[in-house]
Structures are given as structure tokens and as C-alpha cells.
Amino acid sequence: MIELEGVPELIDPVMVAAFEGWNDAGDAASTAVAHLDREWKGEVFAALDAEDYYDFQVNRPTVWMDAGVRKITWPTTRLSVVRVGGEKPRDLVLVRGIEPSMRWRSFCNELLGFAHELGVELVVILGALLGDTPHTRPVPISGTTSDTDLARRMDLEETKYEGPTGIVGVLQEACTHAGVPAVSLWAAVPHYVSQPPNPKATLALLNRLEDLIDVRIPLGELPEDARAWQVGVDQLAAEDSEVAEYVQTLEEARDTAELPEASGEAIAREFERYLRRRDGGGPATGGHATADGGDGTYLRDTPGSGRTRPPMPPKPNSEDDDSPED
């Protein structure tokens, strides 16, 4: 039995979830949910019991000082709620945590219990994977669902992926079996510069989420951070002729593949987003999955704190592609 004392009745609620770990290349997805929580000042109303789902030798707790008193923060998944104002206000239930170490079915059932009690109408799960995509082009975002009607209605792909999956794929299928509409949005992160942060991929996920649920998301400093990130990678790639040549190869392949749709739906979507922002009165305040289901841990360095300059890309690797797993 789930008790949700203190949570008001929600308006057209949508649950948006992201999990650190295998489904979060460049920390792009978890950073997107953290951005929503920060910009809209989310209030945490529930946290899952860490002992039920996490191996503390894999995801260790951290010790910190609070007014001279030592405290411990346990790795877990927390839920917060934010209200998006405007002419048509609606609420978002934000789920942010770490991919669980065990008992995935119970984990998903507990999240679905919250969704049921809160009257959630749609679950959107954010993910990011490593792919053969150039950092100089727009980040590919794939929207997938297991629901044929939802795919047609929201212009999404009906997932046909087969192979290893993470908590994103398991949660989406749990939603489908429970009769809860669910969508996954995947950002493809360049495998040759996969270390976090990746503000360009985070920004792309938020733009696609904005289109999907028809809300205006305050972007803060993300556009500036995304531009700075690309300039930094440009400079580093230019220092290695082999990497620069590889990036050019990826650019040519990408441009050729996308030429027929360069002027259709994508441009219309960007124009609609521009109009929505203009009418809104200006701006408001582990390893990773690869496209073939493999583990890209070898591409990730230990992240530093704060804003970091992207590291030098490793030697080109052509084994990955940029199709999502779910």
C-alpha cells in the first residue's frame, strides 16, 4: 500500500524518468531530469527503500557533514512533483535515480504503484546510448513505444529491438503490460567523446520532450553550455588528424542519410518550438548501452565535478551505430 500524504491532486500528470548507469551515456538523460527538477523547484515526496534494490558495493553511500554532524546519503530513486504553469497548467512527476542492482520487476511495480495512485496519464522514460554520430550535427533523438496506437498518434517508432536491455526497456514493458501509455526518448551520444557532461544531448532530449508533452521547458544556460561543449570538442578533434578524418566520414554518412527529410517535419517542428518560445515572452528562469546492446564502459572516464572540458577522443571505433535499443 502506497501512502502519498501531502501530495495535492495533480493536473494531467506525466511521469518523466531517467536512471544513471547503462542507459545514460554522457549522463545526458539523468541530467535532463535534474534540470527539470532544478528549474521548476521540484519537491521530493517519496524515495524507494535503497536496501530493496541496490548493491552498496556497486553503488556506495556517501558521507557528508551537516552542521558538524556526519550524515549518510544512500543511493536510491526519488520522486518529486513540479507544476508547469501557463494557459494549460499540468504536473510532472519526476523520477530520478540509479539503475537498480536487483529485483527489477518489484522496482518497476513500485513505480507503477505511484503512477496509479497519482493518476499519471503518460510515462516518458529518457535514455542515452553510444552511437556512430558526429558531434557537429544535431543529436539524433529516437522516440519509441510498444503501443501501436500510441506510435501512430504521437508519431513514434514502434520498438522492434531484440537483445540485452536495461531498466529503461524493462520499465517501458512493465508500463505496457499494466496498461499505462509509455514512451522512451533516446539520445545518441558520439562514442568517441562519451564522457560526461554532454549538455548538447541533454538539450536535445529536453527539446524532444517539450514537443512530446506540449509544455515550454525553461532551458537556462543549457544552450550556451551546449555551444561551449561543441567548440571544445571541435578544438580537441582538430588536434588529431585521424579523429578529424573519422568525424568527417561520420558527417558525410549522416548528411547523406538525412538529406530527404532535411526540409520537412524537422524544420516544421523547430519553427513550432520557436513560435512557442516567442509567444511565451522569452526565456524563463556505470557503463552505457550501445546501439547493438553491448556495454560501452571502456569509453567512459571517471567524471569530474562541475563543468569539464571534453577529453581527447580515443581512436575511431566503427562497431556502434545510432539506433536505440527500445
C-alpha atoms as a PDB file:
ATOM      1  CA  MET A   1       0.000   0.000   0.000  1.00  0.00           C
ATOM      2  CA  ILE A   2       1.456   3.359  -1.053  1.00  0.00           C
ATOM      3  CA  GLU A   3       0.679   6.394   1.064  1.00  0.00           C
ATOM      4  CA  LEU A   4       1.103   9.784  -0.619  1.00  0.00           C
ATOM      5  CA  GLU A   5       0.308  12.207   2.168  1.00  0.00           C
ATOM      6  CA  GLY A   6       0.854  15.860   1.330  1.00  0.00           C
ATOM      7  CA  VAL A   7       0.708  15.418  -2.461  1.00  0.00           C
ATOM      8  CA  PRO A   8      -2.089  17.542  -3.937  1.00  0.00           C
ATOM      9  CA  GLU A   9      -4.412  16.360  -6.672  1.00  0.00           C
ATOM     10  CA  LEU A  10      -2.413  16.604  -9.880  1.00  0.00           C
ATOM     11  CA  ILE A  11      -3.407  18.145 -13.215  1.00  0.00           C
ATOM     12  CA  ASP A  12      -2.937  15.935 -16.307  1.00  0.00           C
ATOM     13  CA  PRO A  13       0.192  14.376 -14.749  1.00  0.00           C
ATOM     14  CA  VAL A  14       3.025  12.959 -16.841  1.00  0.00           C
ATOM     15  CA  MET A  15       5.781  10.867 -15.250  1.00  0.00           C
ATOM     16  CA  VAL A  16       9.279  11.613 -16.595  1.00  0.00           C
ATOM     17  CA  ALA A  17      12.010   9.182 -15.532  1.00  0.00           C
ATOM     18  CA  ALA A  18      15.742   8.717 -16.055  1.00  0.00           C
ATOM     19  CA  PHE A  19      18.297   6.425 -14.439  1.00  0.00           C
ATOM     20  CA  GLU A  20      22.039   6.726 -14.112  1.00  0.00           C
ATOM     21  CA  GLY A  21      24.075   3.825 -15.440  1.00  0.00           C
ATOM     22  CA  TRP A  22      23.922   1.697 -18.572  1.00  0.00           C
ATOM     23  CA  ASN A  23      21.083   3.699 -20.167  1.00  0.00           C
ATOM     24  CA  ASP A  24      22.663   7.110 -19.523  1.00  0.00           C
ATOM     25  CA  ALA A  25      25.610   7.765 -21.862  1.00  0.00           C
ATOM     26  CA  GLY A  26      27.238  11.091 -21.092  1.00  0.00           C
ATOM     27  CA  ASP A  27      24.809  11.430 -18.152  1.00  0.00           C
ATOM     28  CA  ALA A  28      22.538  13.096 -20.713  1.00  0.00           C
ATOM     29  CA  ALA A  29      19.222  11.590 -19.538  1.00  0.00           C
ATOM     30  CA  SER A  30      19.679  11.910 -15.771  1.00  0.00           C
ATOM     31  CA  THR A  31      20.937  15.477 -16.251  1.00  0.00           C
ATOM     32  CA  ALA A  32      17.774  16.306 -18.214  1.00  0.00           C
ATOM     33  CA  VAL A  33      15.510  15.221 -15.337  1.00  0.00           C
ATOM     34  CA  ALA A  34      17.774  17.001 -12.839  1.00  0.00           C
ATOM     35  CA  HIS A  35      17.404  20.155 -14.958  1.00  0.00           C
ATOM     36  CA  LEU A  36      13.601  19.928 -14.827  1.00  0.00           C
ATOM     37  CA  ASP A  37      13.717  19.396 -11.078  1.00  0.00           C
ATOM     38  CA  ARG A  38      16.038  22.367 -10.569  1.00  0.00           C
ATOM     39  CA  GLU A  39      14.301  24.820 -12.924  1.00  0.00           C
ATOM     40  CA  TRP A  40      10.834  24.089 -11.557  1.00  0.00           C
ATOM     41  CA  LYS A  41      11.960  23.619  -7.936  1.00  0.00           C
ATOM     42  CA  GLY A  42      10.618  20.114  -7.542  1.00  0.00           C
ATOM     43  CA  GLU A  43       9.549  18.845  -4.142  1.00  0.00           C
ATOM     44  CA  VAL A  44      10.576  15.281  -3.263  1.00  0.00           C
ATOM     45  CA  PHE A  45       7.614  13.344  -1.895  1.00  0.00           C
ATOM     46  CA  ALA A  46       8.882   9.760  -1.965  1.00  0.00           C
ATOM     47  CA  ALA A  47      12.055   7.679  -2.114  1.00  0.00           C
ATOM     48  CA  LEU A  48      12.342   3.945  -2.677  1.00  0.00           C
ATOM     49  CA  ASP A  49      13.974   1.854   0.042  1.00  0.00           C
ATOM     50  CA  ALA A  50      17.611   1.584  -1.071  1.00  0.00           C
ATOM     51  CA  GLU A  51      18.138  -1.785   0.628  1.00  0.00           C
ATOM     52  CA  ASP A  52      15.497  -3.378  -1.578  1.00  0.00           C
ATOM     53  CA  TYR A  53      17.166  -2.592  -4.883  1.00  0.00           C
ATOM     54  CA  TYR A  54      20.840  -1.612  -4.598  1.00  0.00           C
ATOM     55  CA  ASP A  55      24.135  -3.388  -4.019  1.00  0.00           C
ATOM     56  CA  PHE A  56      26.072  -0.925  -1.868  1.00  0.00           C
ATOM     57  CA  GLN A  57      29.404  -2.364  -3.008  1.00  0.00           C
ATOM     58  CA  VAL A  58      28.472  -1.300  -6.535  1.00  0.00           C
ATOM     59  CA  ASN A  59      26.723   1.996  -5.685  1.00  0.00           C
ATOM     60  CA  ARG A  60      28.262   3.123  -2.426  1.00  0.00           C
ATOM     61  CA  PRO A  61      26.614   5.545   0.012  1.00  0.00           C
ATOM     62  CA  THR A  62      28.323   8.878   0.654  1.00  0.00           C
ATOM     63  CA  VAL A  63      29.133  10.561   3.965  1.00  0.00           C
ATOM     64  CA  TRP A  64      28.740  14.313   4.422  1.00  0.00           C
ATOM     65  CA  MET A  65      28.719  16.875   7.236  1.00  0.00           C
ATOM     66  CA  ASP A  66      25.643  18.854   8.241  1.00  0.00           C
ATOM     67  CA  ALA A  67      26.414  21.496  10.881  1.00  0.00           C
ATOM     68  CA  GLY A  68      29.154  19.284  12.301  1.00  0.00           C
ATOM     69  CA  VAL A  69      27.007  16.129  12.241  1.00  0.00           C
ATOM     70  CA  ARG A  70      28.023  13.251   9.972  1.00  0.00           C
ATOM     71  CA  LYS A  71      25.200  12.009   7.744  1.00  0.00           C
ATOM     72  CA  ILE A  72      24.901   9.336   5.065  1.00  0.00           C
ATOM     73  CA  THR A  73      23.147   9.642   1.728  1.00  0.00           C
ATOM     74  CA  TRP A  74      22.098   6.281   0.331  1.00  0.00           C
ATOM     75  CA  PRO A  75      21.894   5.594  -3.420  1.00  0.00           C
ATOM     76  CA  THR A  76      18.228   5.315  -4.337  1.00  0.00           C
ATOM     77  CA  THR A  77      15.455   6.546  -6.625  1.00  0.00           C
ATOM     78  CA  ARG A  78      13.491   9.627  -5.628  1.00  0.00           C
ATOM     79  CA  LEU A  79      10.207  11.053  -6.887  1.00  0.00           C
ATOM     80  CA  SER A  80       9.361  14.738  -6.978  1.00  0.00           C
ATOM     81  CA  VAL A  81       6.484  16.738  -8.404  1.00  0.00           C
ATOM     82  CA  VAL A  82       6.543  20.053 -10.286  1.00  0.00           C
ATOM     83  CA  ARG A  83       3.739  22.189 -11.688  1.00  0.00           C
ATOM     84  CA  VAL A  84       4.147  23.701 -15.134  1.00  0.00           C
ATOM     85  CA  GLY A  85       2.214  26.965 -15.318  1.00  0.00           C
ATOM     86  CA  GLY A  86       0.718  28.754 -18.310  1.00  0.00           C
ATOM     87  CA  GLU A  87      -2.650  28.719 -20.023  1.00  0.00           C
ATOM     88  CA  LYS A  88      -2.841  24.932 -19.679  1.00  0.00           C
ATOM     89  CA  PRO A  89      -1.065  24.020 -16.430  1.00  0.00           C
ATOM     90  CA  ARG A  90      -0.054  20.430 -15.867  1.00  0.00           C
ATOM     91  CA  ASP A  91       2.047  18.493 -13.388  1.00  0.00           C
ATOM     92  CA  LEU A  92       5.158  16.425 -13.955  1.00  0.00           C
ATOM     93  CA  VAL A  93       6.171  13.573 -11.666  1.00  0.00           C
ATOM     94  CA  LEU A  94       9.955  13.366 -11.927  1.00  0.00           C
ATOM     95  CA  VAL A  95      11.687  10.046 -11.247  1.00  0.00           C
ATOM     96  CA  ARG A  96      15.458  10.238 -10.891  1.00  0.00           C
ATOM     97  CA  GLY A  97      17.720   7.510  -9.604  1.00  0.00           C
ATOM     98  CA  ILE A  98      20.267   4.835 -10.362  1.00  0.00           C
ATOM     99  CA  GLU A  99      19.590   1.698 -12.349  1.00  0.00           C
ATOM    100  CA  PRO A 100      18.808  -0.880  -9.638  1.00  0.00           C
ATOM    101  CA  SER A 101      21.159  -3.770  -8.925  1.00  0.00           C
ATOM    102  CA  MET A 102      18.403  -6.314  -8.229  1.00  0.00           C
ATOM    103  CA  ARG A 103      14.652  -7.038  -8.116  1.00  0.00           C
ATOM    104  CA  TRP A 104      13.845  -5.084 -11.269  1.00  0.00           C
ATOM    105  CA  ARG A 105      10.276  -6.342 -11.508  1.00  0.00           C
ATOM    106  CA  SER A 106       9.479  -5.224  -7.957  1.00  0.00           C
ATOM    107  CA  PHE A 107      11.206  -1.905  -8.661  1.00  0.00           C
ATOM    108  CA  CYS A 108       9.009  -1.291 -11.715  1.00  0.00           C
ATOM    109  CA  ASN A 109       5.875  -2.394  -9.896  1.00  0.00           C
ATOM    110  CA  GLU A 110       6.578   0.085  -7.106  1.00  0.00           C
ATOM    111  CA  LEU A 111       6.992   2.943  -9.589  1.00  0.00           C
ATOM    112  CA  LEU A 112       3.801   1.877 -11.352  1.00  0.00           C
ATOM    113  CA  GLY A 113       2.042   1.902  -7.986  1.00  0.00           C
ATOM    114  CA  PHE A 114       2.956   5.571  -7.607  1.00  0.00           C
ATOM    115  CA  ALA A 115       1.841   6.264 -11.177  1.00  0.00           C
ATOM    116  CA  HIS A 116      -1.535   4.650 -10.497  1.00  0.00           C
ATOM    117  CA  GLU A 117      -2.106   6.478  -7.214  1.00  0.00           C
ATOM    118  CA  LEU A 118      -1.187   9.827  -8.778  1.00  0.00           C
ATOM    119  CA  GLY A 119      -3.333   9.334 -11.892  1.00  0.00           C
ATOM    120  CA  VAL A 120      -0.392   9.504 -14.298  1.00  0.00           C
ATOM    121  CA  GLU A 121      -1.620   9.604 -17.909  1.00  0.00           C
ATOM    122  CA  LEU A 122       1.699   9.014 -19.673  1.00  0.00           C
ATOM    123  CA  VAL A 123       5.169   7.758 -18.700  1.00  0.00           C
ATOM    124  CA  VAL A 124       8.159   9.172 -20.593  1.00  0.00           C
ATOM    125  CA  ILE A 125      11.489   7.477 -19.948  1.00  0.00           C
ATOM    126  CA  LEU A 126      14.676   9.238 -21.059  1.00  0.00           C
ATOM    127  CA  GLY A 127      17.792   7.365 -22.117  1.00  0.00           C
ATOM    128  CA  ALA A 128      21.081   7.925 -23.917  1.00  0.00           C
ATOM    129  CA  LEU A 129      23.298   5.471 -25.775  1.00  0.00           C
ATOM    130  CA  LEU A 130      26.635   5.458 -27.562  1.00  0.00           C
ATOM    131  CA  GLY A 131      26.475   5.622 -31.328  1.00  0.00           C
ATOM    132  CA  ASP A 132      28.283   6.466 -34.557  1.00  0.00           C
ATOM    133  CA  THR A 133      27.063  10.044 -34.707  1.00  0.00           C
ATOM    134  CA  PRO A 134      29.190  13.168 -35.296  1.00  0.00           C
ATOM    135  CA  HIS A 135      29.285  15.789 -32.550  1.00  0.00           C
ATOM    136  CA  THR A 136      28.970  18.522 -35.192  1.00  0.00           C
ATOM    137  CA  ARG A 137      25.431  17.589 -36.207  1.00  0.00           C
ATOM    138  CA  PRO A 138      22.116  17.767 -34.300  1.00  0.00           C
ATOM    139  CA  VAL A 139      21.820  14.985 -31.717  1.00  0.00           C
ATOM    140  CA  PRO A 140      19.605  12.177 -33.058  1.00  0.00           C
ATOM    141  CA  ILE A 141      16.607  11.599 -30.781  1.00  0.00           C
ATOM    142  CA  SER A 142      14.516   8.463 -31.278  1.00  0.00           C
ATOM    143  CA  GLY A 143      11.075   8.136 -29.735  1.00  0.00           C
ATOM    144  CA  THR A 144       9.867   4.572 -29.296  1.00  0.00           C
ATOM    145  CA  THR A 145       6.900   2.761 -27.787  1.00  0.00           C
ATOM    146  CA  SER A 146       5.460  -0.741 -27.634  1.00  0.00           C
ATOM    147  CA  ASP A 147       1.931   0.600 -28.192  1.00  0.00           C
ATOM    148  CA  THR A 148       0.883   0.576 -31.868  1.00  0.00           C
ATOM    149  CA  ASP A 149      -1.882   3.163 -31.394  1.00  0.00           C
ATOM    150  CA  LEU A 150       0.398   5.441 -29.364  1.00  0.00           C
ATOM    151  CA  ALA A 151       3.111   5.169 -32.012  1.00  0.00           C
ATOM    152  CA  ARG A 152       0.684   6.289 -34.714  1.00  0.00           C
ATOM    153  CA  ARG A 153      -0.900   9.047 -32.633  1.00  0.00           C
ATOM    154  CA  MET A 154       2.365  10.584 -31.371  1.00  0.00           C
ATOM    155  CA  ASP A 155       4.482   9.935 -34.482  1.00  0.00           C
ATOM    156  CA  LEU A 156       6.815   7.474 -32.726  1.00  0.00           C
ATOM    157  CA  GLU A 157       8.596   4.313 -33.768  1.00  0.00           C
ATOM    158  CA  GLU A 158       7.161   1.002 -32.634  1.00  0.00           C
ATOM    159  CA  THR A 159      10.095  -0.716 -30.994  1.00  0.00           C
ATOM    160  CA  LYS A 160      11.397  -3.868 -32.612  1.00  0.00           C
ATOM    161  CA  TYR A 161      14.651  -4.131 -30.662  1.00  0.00           C
ATOM    162  CA  GLU A 162      15.851  -7.571 -29.596  1.00  0.00           C
ATOM    163  CA  GLY A 163      18.817  -8.113 -27.273  1.00  0.00           C
ATOM    164  CA  PRO A 164      20.159  -7.029 -23.870  1.00  0.00           C
ATOM    165  CA  THR A 165      18.193  -4.269 -22.215  1.00  0.00           C
ATOM    166  CA  GLY A 166      18.404  -2.005 -19.204  1.00  0.00           C
ATOM    167  CA  ILE A 167      15.915  -0.630 -16.714  1.00  0.00           C
ATOM    168  CA  VAL A 168      14.522   1.734 -19.387  1.00  0.00           C
ATOM    169  CA  GLY A 169      13.398  -1.182 -21.540  1.00  0.00           C
ATOM    170  CA  VAL A 170      12.095  -3.183 -18.574  1.00  0.00           C
ATOM    171  CA  LEU A 171      10.099  -0.250 -17.184  1.00  0.00           C
ATOM    172  CA  GLN A 172       8.581   0.526 -20.588  1.00  0.00           C
ATOM    173  CA  GLU A 173       7.405  -3.061 -20.991  1.00  0.00           C
ATOM    174  CA  ALA A 174       6.061  -3.095 -17.413  1.00  0.00           C
ATOM    175  CA  CYS A 175       4.012   0.017 -18.259  1.00  0.00           C
ATOM    176  CA  THR A 176       2.686  -1.652 -21.411  1.00  0.00           C
ATOM    177  CA  HIS A 177       1.575  -4.767 -19.531  1.00  0.00           C
ATOM    178  CA  ALA A 178      -0.045  -2.577 -16.857  1.00  0.00           C
ATOM    179  CA  GLY A 179      -1.979  -0.598 -19.475  1.00  0.00           C
ATOM    180  CA  VAL A 180      -0.070   2.647 -18.831  1.00  0.00           C
ATOM    181  CA  PRO A 181       0.921   4.544 -22.018  1.00  0.00           C
ATOM    182  CA  ALA A 182       4.724   4.724 -22.105  1.00  0.00           C
ATOM    183  CA  VAL A 183       7.313   6.279 -24.408  1.00  0.00           C
ATOM    184  CA  SER A 184      11.106   6.142 -24.431  1.00  0.00           C
ATOM    185  CA  LEU A 185      13.189   9.007 -25.819  1.00  0.00           C
ATOM    186  CA  TRP A 186      16.771   8.074 -26.720  1.00  0.00           C
ATOM    187  CA  ALA A 187      19.656  10.444 -27.439  1.00  0.00           C
ATOM    188  CA  ALA A 188      22.605   9.125 -29.467  1.00  0.00           C
ATOM    189  CA  VAL A 189      25.896  10.290 -27.916  1.00  0.00           C
ATOM    190  CA  PRO A 190      29.122  10.225 -30.014  1.00  0.00           C
ATOM    191  CA  HIS A 191      31.056   7.208 -28.797  1.00  0.00           C
ATOM    192  CA  TYR A 192      34.388   8.945 -29.350  1.00  0.00           C
ATOM    193  CA  VAL A 193      33.512  11.644 -26.792  1.00  0.00           C
ATOM    194  CA  SER A 194      31.246   9.840 -24.364  1.00  0.00           C
ATOM    195  CA  GLN A 195      32.473  11.250 -21.070  1.00  0.00           C
ATOM    196  CA  PRO A 196      30.003  13.409 -19.136  1.00  0.00           C
ATOM    197  CA  PRO A 197      28.746  16.029 -19.196  1.00  0.00           C
ATOM    198  CA  ASN A 198      27.106  16.244 -22.613  1.00  0.00           C
ATOM    199  CA  PRO A 199      24.858  19.337 -22.495  1.00  0.00           C
ATOM    200  CA  LYS A 200      24.132  19.093 -26.224  1.00  0.00           C
ATOM    201  CA  ALA A 201      22.491  15.680 -25.792  1.00  0.00           C
ATOM    202  CA  THR A 202      20.657  16.860 -22.669  1.00  0.00           C
ATOM    203  CA  LEU A 203      19.318  19.873 -24.564  1.00  0.00           C
ATOM    204  CA  ALA A 204      18.151  17.673 -27.450  1.00  0.00           C
ATOM    205  CA  LEU A 205      16.261  15.364 -25.075  1.00  0.00           C
ATOM    206  CA  LEU A 206      14.527  18.321 -23.413  1.00  0.00           C
ATOM    207  CA  ASN A 207      13.545  19.812 -26.788  1.00  0.00           C
ATOM    208  CA  ARG A 208      12.009  16.499 -27.867  1.00  0.00           C
ATOM    209  CA  LEU A 209      10.253  16.118 -24.518  1.00  0.00           C
ATOM    210  CA  GLU A 210       8.859  19.643 -24.920  1.00  0.00           C
ATOM    211  CA  ASP A 211       7.360  18.687 -28.277  1.00  0.00           C
ATOM    212  CA  LEU A 212       6.017  15.389 -26.992  1.00  0.00           C
ATOM    213  CA  ILE A 213       4.114  16.648 -23.949  1.00  0.00           C
ATOM    214  CA  ASP A 214       3.410  20.177 -25.257  1.00  0.00           C
ATOM    215  CA  VAL A 215       4.989  22.201 -22.456  1.00  0.00           C
ATOM    216  CA  ARG A 216       7.516  25.020 -22.559  1.00  0.00           C
ATOM    217  CA  ILE A 217      10.666  23.985 -20.714  1.00  0.00           C
ATOM    218  CA  PRO A 218      12.968  26.727 -19.364  1.00  0.00           C
ATOM    219  CA  LEU A 219      16.430  25.933 -20.698  1.00  0.00           C
ATOM    220  CA  GLY A 220      18.558  28.221 -18.531  1.00  0.00           C
ATOM    221  CA  GLU A 221      22.238  28.020 -19.501  1.00  0.00           C
ATOM    222  CA  LEU A 222      21.922  24.746 -21.426  1.00  0.00           C
ATOM    223  CA  PRO A 223      22.070  26.289 -24.945  1.00  0.00           C
ATOM    224  CA  GLU A 224      25.243  28.188 -24.026  1.00  0.00           C
ATOM    225  CA  ASP A 225      26.748  25.096 -22.400  1.00  0.00           C
ATOM    226  CA  ALA A 226      25.923  23.031 -25.500  1.00  0.00           C
ATOM    227  CA  ARG A 227      27.680  25.539 -27.776  1.00  0.00           C
ATOM    228  CA  ALA A 228      30.726  25.636 -25.500  1.00  0.00           C
ATOM    229  CA  TRP A 229      30.828  21.827 -25.413  1.00  0.00           C
ATOM    230  CA  GLN A 230      30.832  21.596 -29.208  1.00  0.00           C
ATOM    231  CA  VAL A 231      33.565  24.229 -29.549  1.00  0.00           C
ATOM    232  CA  GLY A 232      35.675  22.325 -27.024  1.00  0.00           C
ATOM    233  CA  VAL A 233      35.267  19.035 -28.882  1.00  0.00           C
ATOM    234  CA  ASP A 234      35.980  20.778 -32.202  1.00  0.00           C
ATOM    235  CA  GLN A 235      39.283  22.042 -30.838  1.00  0.00           C
ATOM    236  CA  LEU A 236      40.299  18.699 -29.394  1.00  0.00           C
ATOM    237  CA  ALA A 237      39.341  16.736 -32.505  1.00  0.00           C
ATOM    238  CA  ALA A 238      41.266  19.180 -34.707  1.00  0.00           C
ATOM    239  CA  GLU A 239      44.455  18.289 -32.817  1.00  0.00           C
ATOM    240  CA  ASP A 240      44.263  14.686 -34.074  1.00  0.00           C
ATOM    241  CA  SER A 241      44.099  14.332 -37.866  1.00  0.00           C
ATOM    242  CA  GLU A 242      42.907  10.724 -37.630  1.00  0.00           C
ATOM    243  CA  VAL A 243      39.953  11.663 -35.447  1.00  0.00           C
ATOM    244  CA  ALA A 244      39.178  14.707 -37.611  1.00  0.00           C
ATOM    245  CA  GLU A 245      39.049  12.463 -40.690  1.00  0.00           C
ATOM    246  CA  TYR A 246      36.799  10.000 -38.885  1.00  0.00           C
ATOM    247  CA  VAL A 247      34.416  12.788 -37.834  1.00  0.00           C
ATOM    248  CA  GLN A 248      34.251  13.966 -41.452  1.00  0.00           C
ATOM    249  CA  THR A 249      33.322  10.423 -42.518  1.00  0.00           C
ATOM    250  CA  LEU A 250      30.500  10.364 -39.949  1.00  0.00           C
ATOM    251  CA  GLU A 251      29.294  13.786 -41.138  1.00  0.00           C
ATOM    252  CA  GLU A 252      29.110  12.649 -44.763  1.00  0.00           C
ATOM    253  CA  ALA A 253      27.230   9.480 -43.826  1.00  0.00           C
ATOM    254  CA  ARG A 254      24.797  11.419 -41.642  1.00  0.00           C
ATOM    255  CA  ASP A 255      24.153  14.134 -44.213  1.00  0.00           C
ATOM    256  CA  THR A 256      23.535  11.579 -46.957  1.00  0.00           C
ATOM    257  CA  ALA A 257      21.124   9.589 -44.822  1.00  0.00           C
ATOM    258  CA  GLU A 258      19.111  12.620 -43.718  1.00  0.00           C
ATOM    259  CA  LEU A 259      19.033  14.580 -46.983  1.00  0.00           C
ATOM    260  CA  PRO A 260      15.424  13.612 -47.949  1.00  0.00           C
ATOM    261  CA  GLU A 261      13.981  14.845 -44.658  1.00  0.00           C
ATOM    262  CA  ALA A 262      16.101  17.951 -44.228  1.00  0.00           C
ATOM    263  CA  SER A 263      13.185  20.180 -45.088  1.00  0.00           C
ATOM    264  CA  GLY A 264      10.028  18.563 -43.807  1.00  0.00           C
ATOM    265  CA  GLU A 265       8.851  17.628 -40.405  1.00  0.00           C
ATOM    266  CA  ALA A 266      12.121  18.544 -38.657  1.00  0.00           C
ATOM    267  CA  ILE A 267      12.010  22.163 -39.876  1.00  0.00           C
ATOM    268  CA  ALA A 268       8.293  22.446 -39.053  1.00  0.00           C
ATOM    269  CA  ARG A 269       8.953  21.154 -35.536  1.00  0.00           C
ATOM    270  CA  GLU A 270      11.765  23.665 -34.997  1.00  0.00           C
ATOM    271  CA  PHE A 271       9.555  26.514 -36.252  1.00  0.00           C
ATOM    272  CA  GLU A 272       6.719  25.500 -33.919  1.00  0.00           C
ATOM    273  CA  ARG A 273       9.149  25.448 -30.996  1.00  0.00           C
ATOM    274  CA  TYR A 274      10.391  28.924 -31.953  1.00  0.00           C
ATOM    275  CA  LEU A 275       6.835  30.286 -32.022  1.00  0.00           C
ATOM    276  CA  ARG A 276       6.016  28.676 -28.671  1.00  0.00           C
ATOM    277  CA  ARG A 277       9.055  30.247 -27.023  1.00  0.00           C
ATOM    278  CA  ARG A 278       8.416  33.641 -28.622  1.00  0.00           C
ATOM    279  CA  ASP A 279       4.780  33.670 -27.511  1.00  0.00           C
ATOM    280  CA  GLY A 280       5.885  32.647 -24.027  1.00  0.00           C
ATOM    281  CA  GLY A 281       7.552  36.012 -23.522  1.00  0.00           C
ATOM    282  CA  GLY A 282      11.205  34.989 -23.711  1.00  0.00           C
ATOM    283  CA  PRO A 283      13.279  32.606 -21.654  1.00  0.00           C
ATOM    284  CA  ALA A 284      12.242  31.533 -18.154  1.00  0.00           C
ATOM    285  CA  THR A 285      14.170  31.024 -15.359  1.00  0.00           C
ATOM    286  CA  GLY A 286      28.333   2.807 -14.821  1.00  0.00           C
ATOM    287  CA  GLY A 287      28.876   1.835 -18.393  1.00  0.00           C
ATOM    288  CA  HIS A 288      26.471   2.682 -21.148  1.00  0.00           C
ATOM    289  CA  ALA A 289      24.239   0.975 -23.651  1.00  0.00           C
ATOM    290  CA  THR A 290      25.395   0.938 -27.235  1.00  0.00           C
ATOM    291  CA  ALA A 291      23.137   0.601 -30.234  1.00  0.00           C
ATOM    292  CA  ASP A 292      23.844  -3.119 -30.525  1.00  0.00           C
ATOM    293  CA  GLY A 293      23.054  -3.733 -26.863  1.00  0.00           C
ATOM    294  CA  GLY A 294      26.719  -4.027 -25.853  1.00  0.00           C
ATOM    295  CA  ASP A 295      28.481  -2.444 -22.902  1.00  0.00           C
ATOM    296  CA  GLY A 296      30.402   0.745 -23.625  1.00  0.00           C
ATOM    297  CA  THR A 297      32.172   1.004 -20.276  1.00  0.00           C
ATOM    298  CA  TYR A 298      35.555   1.152 -21.974  1.00  0.00           C
ATOM    299  CA  LEU A 299      34.689   4.582 -23.360  1.00  0.00           C
ATOM    300  CA  ARG A 300      33.881   6.258 -20.087  1.00  0.00           C
ATOM    301  CA  ASP A 301      36.317   8.009 -17.775  1.00  0.00           C
ATOM    302  CA  THR A 302      35.609   8.946 -14.179  1.00  0.00           C
ATOM    303  CA  PRO A 303      33.692  12.249 -14.326  1.00  0.00           C
ATOM    304  CA  GLY A 304      34.998  15.280 -12.542  1.00  0.00           C
ATOM    305  CA  SER A 305      32.965  17.845 -10.661  1.00  0.00           C
ATOM    306  CA  GLY A 306      31.409  20.941 -12.197  1.00  0.00           C
ATOM    307  CA  ARG A 307      31.821  21.868 -15.830  1.00  0.00           C
ATOM    308  CA  THR A 308      34.593  19.957 -17.527  1.00  0.00           C
ATOM    309  CA  ARG A 309      36.252  20.270 -20.869  1.00  0.00           C
ATOM    310  CA  PRO A 310      35.653  17.182 -23.008  1.00  0.00           C
ATOM    311  CA  PRO A 311      38.670  14.850 -23.077  1.00  0.00           C
ATOM    312  CA  MET A 312      40.623  13.913 -26.167  1.00  0.00           C
ATOM    313  CA  PRO A 313      38.662  11.369 -28.217  1.00  0.00           C
ATOM    314  CA  PRO A 314      40.117   7.848 -28.439  1.00  0.00           C
ATOM    315  CA  LYS A 315      40.946   6.138 -31.723  1.00  0.00           C
ATOM    316  CA  PRO A 316      37.964   5.720 -34.069  1.00  0.00           C
ATOM    317  CA  ASN A 317      35.762   2.699 -33.490  1.00  0.00           C
ATOM    318  CA  SER A 318      33.194   1.702 -36.096  1.00  0.00           C
ATOM    319  CA  GLU A 319      31.375  -1.072 -34.231  1.00  0.00           C
ATOM    320  CA  ASP A 320      28.491   1.056 -32.900  1.00  0.00           C
ATOM    321  CA  ASP A 321      25.565   2.618 -34.737  1.00  0.00           C
ATOM    322  CA  ASP A 322      22.949   5.089 -33.530  1.00  0.00           C
ATOM    323  CA  SER A 323      19.721   3.087 -33.370  1.00  0.00           C
ATOM    324  CA  PRO A 324      18.105   2.857 -29.918  1.00  0.00           C
ATOM    325  CA  GLU A 325      17.513  -0.374 -28.072  1.00  0.00           C
ATOM    326  CA  ASP A 326      13.937   0.458 -27.139  1.00  0.00           C
END
